[in-house]
């Protein structure tokens, strides 16, 4: 699942299952810091009639 959401943490299911409490704590902290970035900030709704093709041009900018 981590690969699916493009999170760079290389661990296998067997390593995760056999990890110590300290390793699980570190993994949990990594997820706690990484996963909030994946929550959508806003939703953009496009309205059009059913069966029609709707087109819209968007410009996205990084606020940094």
PDB file of N, CA and C in Angstrom:
ATOM      1  N   UNK A   1       0.809  -1.179   0.000  1.00  0.00           N
ATOM      2  CA  UNK A   1       0.000   0.000   0.000  1.00  0.00           C
ATOM      3  C   UNK A   1       0.862   1.255   0.000  1.00  0.00           C
ATOM      4  N   UNK A   2       1.991   1.186   0.657  1.00  0.00           N
ATOM      5  CA  UNK A   2       2.862   2.356   0.687  1.00  0.00           C
ATOM      6  C   UNK A   2       3.356   2.707  -0.708  1.00  0.00           C
ATOM      7  N   UNK A   3       3.629   1.705  -1.524  1.00  0.00           N
ATOM      8  CA  UNK A   3       4.050   1.972  -2.903  1.00  0.00           C
ATOM      9  C   UNK A   3       2.920   2.596  -3.703  1.00  0.00           C
ATOM     10  N   UNK A   4       1.685   2.190  -3.426  1.00  0.00           N
ATOM     11  CA  UNK A   4       0.536   2.696  -4.176  1.00  0.00           C
ATOM     12  C   UNK A   4       0.332   4.192  -3.956  1.00  0.00           C
ATOM     13  N   UNK A   5       0.633   4.671  -2.763  1.00  0.00           N
ATOM     14  CA  UNK A   5       0.481   6.102  -2.478  1.00  0.00           C
ATOM     15  C   UNK A   5       1.811   6.838  -2.547  1.00  0.00           C
ATOM     16  N   UNK A   6       2.814   6.179  -3.090  1.00  0.00           N
ATOM     17  CA  UNK A   6       4.128   6.763  -3.349  1.00  0.00           C
ATOM     18  C   UNK A   6       4.816   7.281  -2.084  1.00  0.00           C
ATOM     19  N   UNK A   7       4.778   6.441  -1.027  1.00  0.00           N
ATOM     20  CA  UNK A   7       5.481   6.765   0.212  1.00  0.00           C
ATOM     21  C   UNK A   7       6.771   5.956   0.235  1.00  0.00           C
ATOM     22  N   UNK A   8       7.918   6.626   0.308  1.00  0.00           N
ATOM     23  CA  UNK A   8       9.212   5.931   0.214  1.00  0.00           C
ATOM     24  C   UNK A   8       9.634   5.270   1.526  1.00  0.00           C
ATOM     25  N   UNK A   9       9.005   4.162   1.863  1.00  0.00           N
ATOM     26  CA  UNK A   9       9.384   3.412   3.067  1.00  0.00           C
ATOM     27  C   UNK A   9       9.500   1.960   2.643  1.00  0.00           C
ATOM     28  N   UNK A  10      10.710   1.447   2.632  1.00  0.00           N
ATOM     29  CA  UNK A  10      10.946   0.091   2.148  1.00  0.00           C
ATOM     30  C   UNK A  10      10.858  -0.903   3.293  1.00  0.00           C
ATOM     31  N   UNK A  11       9.706  -1.548   3.418  1.00  0.00           N
ATOM     32  CA  UNK A  11       9.511  -2.576   4.427  1.00  0.00           C
ATOM     33  C   UNK A  11       8.563  -3.621   3.851  1.00  0.00           C
ATOM     34  N   UNK A  12       8.846  -4.866   4.132  1.00  0.00           N
ATOM     35  CA  UNK A  12       7.983  -5.943   3.653  1.00  0.00           C
ATOM     36  C   UNK A  12       7.001  -6.324   4.758  1.00  0.00           C
ATOM     37  N   UNK A  13       5.991  -7.084   4.387  1.00  0.00           N
ATOM     38  CA  UNK A  13       4.998  -7.534   5.370  1.00  0.00           C
ATOM     39  C   UNK A  13       5.645  -8.423   6.428  1.00  0.00           C
ATOM     40  N   UNK A  14       6.600  -9.245   6.029  1.00  0.00           N
ATOM     41  CA  UNK A  14       7.270 -10.104   6.998  1.00  0.00           C
ATOM     42  C   UNK A  14       8.113  -9.296   7.978  1.00  0.00           C
ATOM     43  N   UNK A  15       8.780  -8.263   7.490  1.00  0.00           N
ATOM     44  CA  UNK A  15       9.563  -7.408   8.372  1.00  0.00           C
ATOM     45  C   UNK A  15       8.653  -6.641   9.333  1.00  0.00           C
ATOM     46  N   UNK A  16       7.521  -6.208   8.841  1.00  0.00           N
ATOM     47  CA  UNK A  16       6.589  -5.481   9.681  1.00  0.00           C
ATOM     48  C   UNK A  16       5.997  -6.382  10.761  1.00  0.00           C
ATOM     49  N   UNK A  17       5.677  -7.597  10.377  1.00  0.00           N
ATOM     50  CA  UNK A  17       5.096  -8.547  11.331  1.00  0.00           C
ATOM     51  C   UNK A  17       6.102  -8.945  12.406  1.00  0.00           C
ATOM     52  N   UNK A  18       7.358  -9.043  12.068  1.00  0.00           N
ATOM     53  CA  UNK A  18       8.369  -9.461  13.015  1.00  0.00           C
ATOM     54  C   UNK A  18       9.128  -8.322  13.669  1.00  0.00           C
ATOM     55  N   UNK A  19       8.609  -7.104  13.590  1.00  0.00           N
ATOM     56  CA  UNK A  19       9.343  -5.962  14.122  1.00  0.00           C
ATOM     57  C   UNK A  19       9.157  -5.820  15.634  1.00  0.00           C
ATOM     58  N   UNK A  20      10.078  -5.127  16.248  1.00  0.00           N
ATOM     59  CA  UNK A  20      10.030  -4.892  17.685  1.00  0.00           C
ATOM     60  C   UNK A  20       9.121  -3.699  17.984  1.00  0.00           C
ATOM     61  N   UNK A  21       8.863  -3.469  19.246  1.00  0.00           N
ATOM     62  CA  UNK A  21       8.008  -2.346  19.646  1.00  0.00           C
ATOM     63  C   UNK A  21       8.641  -1.017  19.250  1.00  0.00           C
ATOM     64  N   UNK A  22       9.941  -0.910  19.350  1.00  0.00           N
ATOM     65  CA  UNK A  22      10.635   0.323  18.969  1.00  0.00           C
ATOM     66  C   UNK A  22      10.510   0.578  17.469  1.00  0.00           C
ATOM     67  N   UNK A  23      10.673  -0.462  16.679  1.00  0.00           N
ATOM     68  CA  UNK A  23      10.539  -0.320  15.229  1.00  0.00           C
ATOM     69  C   UNK A  23       9.104   0.047  14.844  1.00  0.00           C
ATOM     70  N   UNK A  24       8.117  -0.527  15.529  1.00  0.00           N
ATOM     71  CA  UNK A  24       6.722  -0.193  15.252  1.00  0.00           C
ATOM     72  C   UNK A  24       6.427   1.260  15.627  1.00  0.00           C
ATOM     73  N   UNK A  25       7.039   1.739  16.702  1.00  0.00           N
ATOM     74  CA  UNK A  25       6.872   3.130  17.092  1.00  0.00           C
ATOM     75  C   UNK A  25       7.445   4.066  16.031  1.00  0.00           C
ATOM     76  N   UNK A  26       8.620   3.742  15.527  1.00  0.00           N
ATOM     77  CA  UNK A  26       9.233   4.559  14.477  1.00  0.00           C
ATOM     78  C   UNK A  26       8.386   4.545  13.202  1.00  0.00           C
ATOM     79  N   UNK A  27       7.861   3.384  12.843  1.00  0.00           N
ATOM     80  CA  UNK A  27       7.009   3.269  11.660  1.00  0.00           C
ATOM     81  C   UNK A  27       5.716   4.067  11.854  1.00  0.00           C
ATOM     82  N   UNK A  28       5.136   3.997  13.043  1.00  0.00           N
ATOM     83  CA  UNK A  28       3.916   4.751  13.336  1.00  0.00           C
ATOM     84  C   UNK A  28       4.163   6.252  13.263  1.00  0.00           C
ATOM     85  N   UNK A  29       5.301   6.696  13.781  1.00  0.00           N
ATOM     86  CA  UNK A  29       5.632   8.116  13.706  1.00  0.00           C
ATOM     87  C   UNK A  29       5.847   8.568  12.259  1.00  0.00           C
ATOM     88  N   UNK A  30       6.468   7.706  11.462  1.00  0.00           N
ATOM     89  CA  UNK A  30       6.650   8.024  10.043  1.00  0.00           C
ATOM     90  C   UNK A  30       5.292   8.189   9.361  1.00  0.00           C
ATOM     91  N   UNK A  31       4.354   7.265   9.613  1.00  0.00           N
ATOM     92  CA  UNK A  31       3.022   7.367   9.015  1.00  0.00           C
ATOM     93  C   UNK A  31       2.287   8.602   9.525  1.00  0.00           C
ATOM     94  N   UNK A  32       2.424   8.913  10.801  1.00  0.00           N
ATOM     95  CA  UNK A  32       1.766  10.073  11.393  1.00  0.00           C
ATOM     96  C   UNK A  32       2.222  11.366  10.711  1.00  0.00           C
ATOM     97  N   UNK A  33       3.476  11.421  10.326  1.00  0.00           N
ATOM     98  CA  UNK A  33       3.993  12.621   9.672  1.00  0.00           C
ATOM     99  C   UNK A  33       3.743  12.626   8.177  1.00  0.00           C
ATOM    100  N   UNK A  34       3.630  11.462   7.549  1.00  0.00           N
ATOM    101  CA  UNK A  34       3.517  11.384   6.092  1.00  0.00           C
ATOM    102  C   UNK A  34       2.086  11.392   5.578  1.00  0.00           C
ATOM    103  N   UNK A  35       1.170  10.726   6.253  1.00  0.00           N
ATOM    104  CA  UNK A  35      -0.172  10.546   5.713  1.00  0.00           C
ATOM    105  C   UNK A  35      -1.030  11.805   5.638  1.00  0.00           C
ATOM    106  N   UNK A  36      -0.903  12.781   6.535  1.00  0.00           N
ATOM    107  CA  UNK A  36      -1.747  13.976   6.385  1.00  0.00           C
ATOM    108  C   UNK A  36      -1.543  14.722   5.070  1.00  0.00           C
ATOM    109  N   UNK A  37      -0.434  14.536   4.415  1.00  0.00           N
ATOM    110  CA  UNK A  37      -0.197  15.185   3.123  1.00  0.00           C
ATOM    111  C   UNK A  37      -1.131  14.655   2.052  1.00  0.00           C
ATOM    112  N   UNK A  38      -1.699  13.470   2.265  1.00  0.00           N
ATOM    113  CA  UNK A  38      -2.557  12.855   1.261  1.00  0.00           C
ATOM    114  C   UNK A  38      -4.024  13.252   1.404  1.00  0.00           C
ATOM    115  N   UNK A  39      -4.375  13.998   2.441  1.00  0.00           N
ATOM    116  CA  UNK A  39      -5.755  14.433   2.626  1.00  0.00           C
ATOM    117  C   UNK A  39      -6.025  15.582   1.658  1.00  0.00           C
ATOM    118  N   UNK A  40      -7.091  15.477   0.859  1.00  0.00           N
ATOM    119  CA  UNK A  40      -7.390  16.551  -0.085  1.00  0.00           C
ATOM    120  C   UNK A  40      -7.674  17.866   0.639  1.00  0.00           C
ATOM    121  N   UNK A  41      -7.145  18.953   0.121  1.00  0.00           N
ATOM    122  CA  UNK A  41      -7.336  20.264   0.723  1.00  0.00           C
ATOM    123  C   UNK A  41      -8.674  20.879   0.309  1.00  0.00           C
ATOM    124  N   UNK A  42      -9.106  20.589  -0.889  1.00  0.00           N
ATOM    125  CA  UNK A  42     -10.345  21.149  -1.404  1.00  0.00           C
ATOM    126  C   UNK A  42     -10.904  20.234  -2.483  1.00  0.00           C
ATOM    127  N   UNK A  43     -12.133  20.455  -2.850  1.00  0.00           N
ATOM    128  CA  UNK A  43     -12.787  19.690  -3.898  1.00  0.00           C
ATOM    129  C   UNK A  43     -13.205  20.647  -5.002  1.00  0.00           C
ATOM    130  N   UNK A  44     -12.971  20.252  -6.210  1.00  0.00           N
ATOM    131  CA  UNK A  44     -13.366  21.057  -7.364  1.00  0.00           C
ATOM    132  C   UNK A  44     -14.490  20.321  -8.074  1.00  0.00           C
ATOM    133  N   UNK A  45     -15.644  20.965  -8.183  1.00  0.00           N
ATOM    134  CA  UNK A  45     -16.794  20.362  -8.855  1.00  0.00           C
ATOM    135  C   UNK A  45     -16.916  20.929 -10.263  1.00  0.00           C
ATOM    136  N   UNK A  46     -17.100  20.042 -11.222  1.00  0.00           N
ATOM    137  CA  UNK A  46     -17.345  20.427 -12.601  1.00  0.00           C
ATOM    138  C   UNK A  46     -18.777  20.022 -12.934  1.00  0.00           C
ATOM    139  N   UNK A  47     -19.556  20.970 -13.360  1.00  0.00           N
ATOM    140  CA  UNK A  47     -20.941  20.662 -13.698  1.00  0.00           C
ATOM    141  C   UNK A  47     -21.110  20.675 -15.206  1.00  0.00           C
ATOM    142  N   UNK A  48     -21.818  19.677 -15.691  1.00  0.00           N
ATOM    143  CA  UNK A  48     -22.191  19.608 -17.096  1.00  0.00           C
ATOM    144  C   UNK A  48     -23.379  18.663 -17.205  1.00  0.00           C
ATOM    145  N   UNK A  49     -24.022  18.683 -18.309  1.00  0.00           N
ATOM    146  CA  UNK A  49     -25.175  17.812 -18.530  1.00  0.00           C
ATOM    147  C   UNK A  49     -24.695  16.378 -18.730  1.00  0.00           C
ATOM    148  N   UNK A  50     -25.535  15.434 -18.337  1.00  0.00           N
ATOM    149  CA  UNK A  50     -25.216  14.023 -18.478  1.00  0.00           C
ATOM    150  C   UNK A  50     -25.027  13.677 -19.950  1.00  0.00           C
ATOM    151  N   UNK A  51     -23.921  13.038 -20.260  1.00  0.00           N
ATOM    152  CA  UNK A  51     -23.633  12.643 -21.627  1.00  0.00           C
ATOM    153  C   UNK A  51     -22.797  13.668 -22.383  1.00  0.00           C
ATOM    154  N   UNK A  52     -22.644  14.877 -21.856  1.00  0.00           N
ATOM    155  CA  UNK A  52     -21.827  15.887 -22.513  1.00  0.00           C
ATOM    156  C   UNK A  52     -20.397  15.829 -21.968  1.00  0.00           C
ATOM    157  N   UNK A  53     -19.481  16.322 -22.777  1.00  0.00           N
ATOM    158  CA  UNK A  53     -18.085  16.397 -22.355  1.00  0.00           C
ATOM    159  C   UNK A  53     -17.844  17.777 -21.764  1.00  0.00           C
ATOM    160  N   UNK A  54     -17.393  17.807 -20.525  1.00  0.00           N
ATOM    161  CA  UNK A  54     -17.073  19.074 -19.881  1.00  0.00           C
ATOM    162  C   UNK A  54     -15.565  19.271 -19.863  1.00  0.00           C
ATOM    163  N   UNK A  55     -15.120  20.456 -20.187  1.00  0.00           N
ATOM    164  CA  UNK A  55     -13.682  20.749 -20.195  1.00  0.00           C
ATOM    165  C   UNK A  55     -13.430  22.013 -19.379  1.00  0.00           C
ATOM    166  N   UNK A  56     -12.327  21.993 -18.680  1.00  0.00           N
ATOM    167  CA  UNK A  56     -11.935  23.149 -17.883  1.00  0.00           C
ATOM    168  C   UNK A  56     -10.415  23.149 -17.801  1.00  0.00           C
ATOM    169  N   UNK A  57      -9.823  24.306 -17.894  1.00  0.00           N
ATOM    170  CA  UNK A  57      -8.376  24.426 -17.805  1.00  0.00           C
ATOM    171  C   UNK A  57      -8.027  24.930 -16.410  1.00  0.00           C
ATOM    172  N   UNK A  58      -7.117  24.214 -15.750  1.00  0.00           N
ATOM    173  CA  UNK A  58      -6.694  24.562 -14.401  1.00  0.00           C
ATOM    174  C   UNK A  58      -5.211  24.897 -14.391  1.00  0.00           C
ATOM    175  N   UNK A  59      -4.851  25.842 -13.567  1.00  0.00           N
ATOM    176  CA  UNK A  59      -3.452  26.159 -13.330  1.00  0.00           C
ATOM    177  C   UNK A  59      -3.202  25.939 -11.848  1.00  0.00           C
ATOM    178  N   UNK A  60      -2.296  25.028 -11.519  1.00  0.00           N
ATOM    179  CA  UNK A  60      -1.954  24.735 -10.133  1.00  0.00           C
ATOM    180  C   UNK A  60      -0.587  25.313  -9.821  1.00  0.00           C
ATOM    181  N   UNK A  61      -0.491  25.951  -8.656  1.00  0.00           N
ATOM    182  CA  UNK A  61       0.777  26.537  -8.249  1.00  0.00           C
ATOM    183  C   UNK A  61       1.088  26.088  -6.839  1.00  0.00           C
ATOM    184  N   UNK A  62       2.352  25.851  -6.575  1.00  0.00           N
ATOM    185  CA  UNK A  62       2.808  25.498  -5.255  1.00  0.00           C
ATOM    186  C   UNK A  62       2.899  26.788  -4.434  1.00  0.00           C
ATOM    187  N   UNK A  63       2.248  26.838  -3.252  1.00  0.00           N
ATOM    188  CA  UNK A  63       2.235  28.090  -2.490  1.00  0.00           C
ATOM    189  C   UNK A  63       3.547  28.426  -1.799  1.00  0.00           C
ATOM    190  N   UNK A  64       4.528  27.580  -1.876  1.00  0.00           N
ATOM    191  CA  UNK A  64       5.813  27.854  -1.212  1.00  0.00           C
ATOM    192  C   UNK A  64       6.582  28.933  -1.877  1.00  0.00           C
TER     193      UNK A  64
END
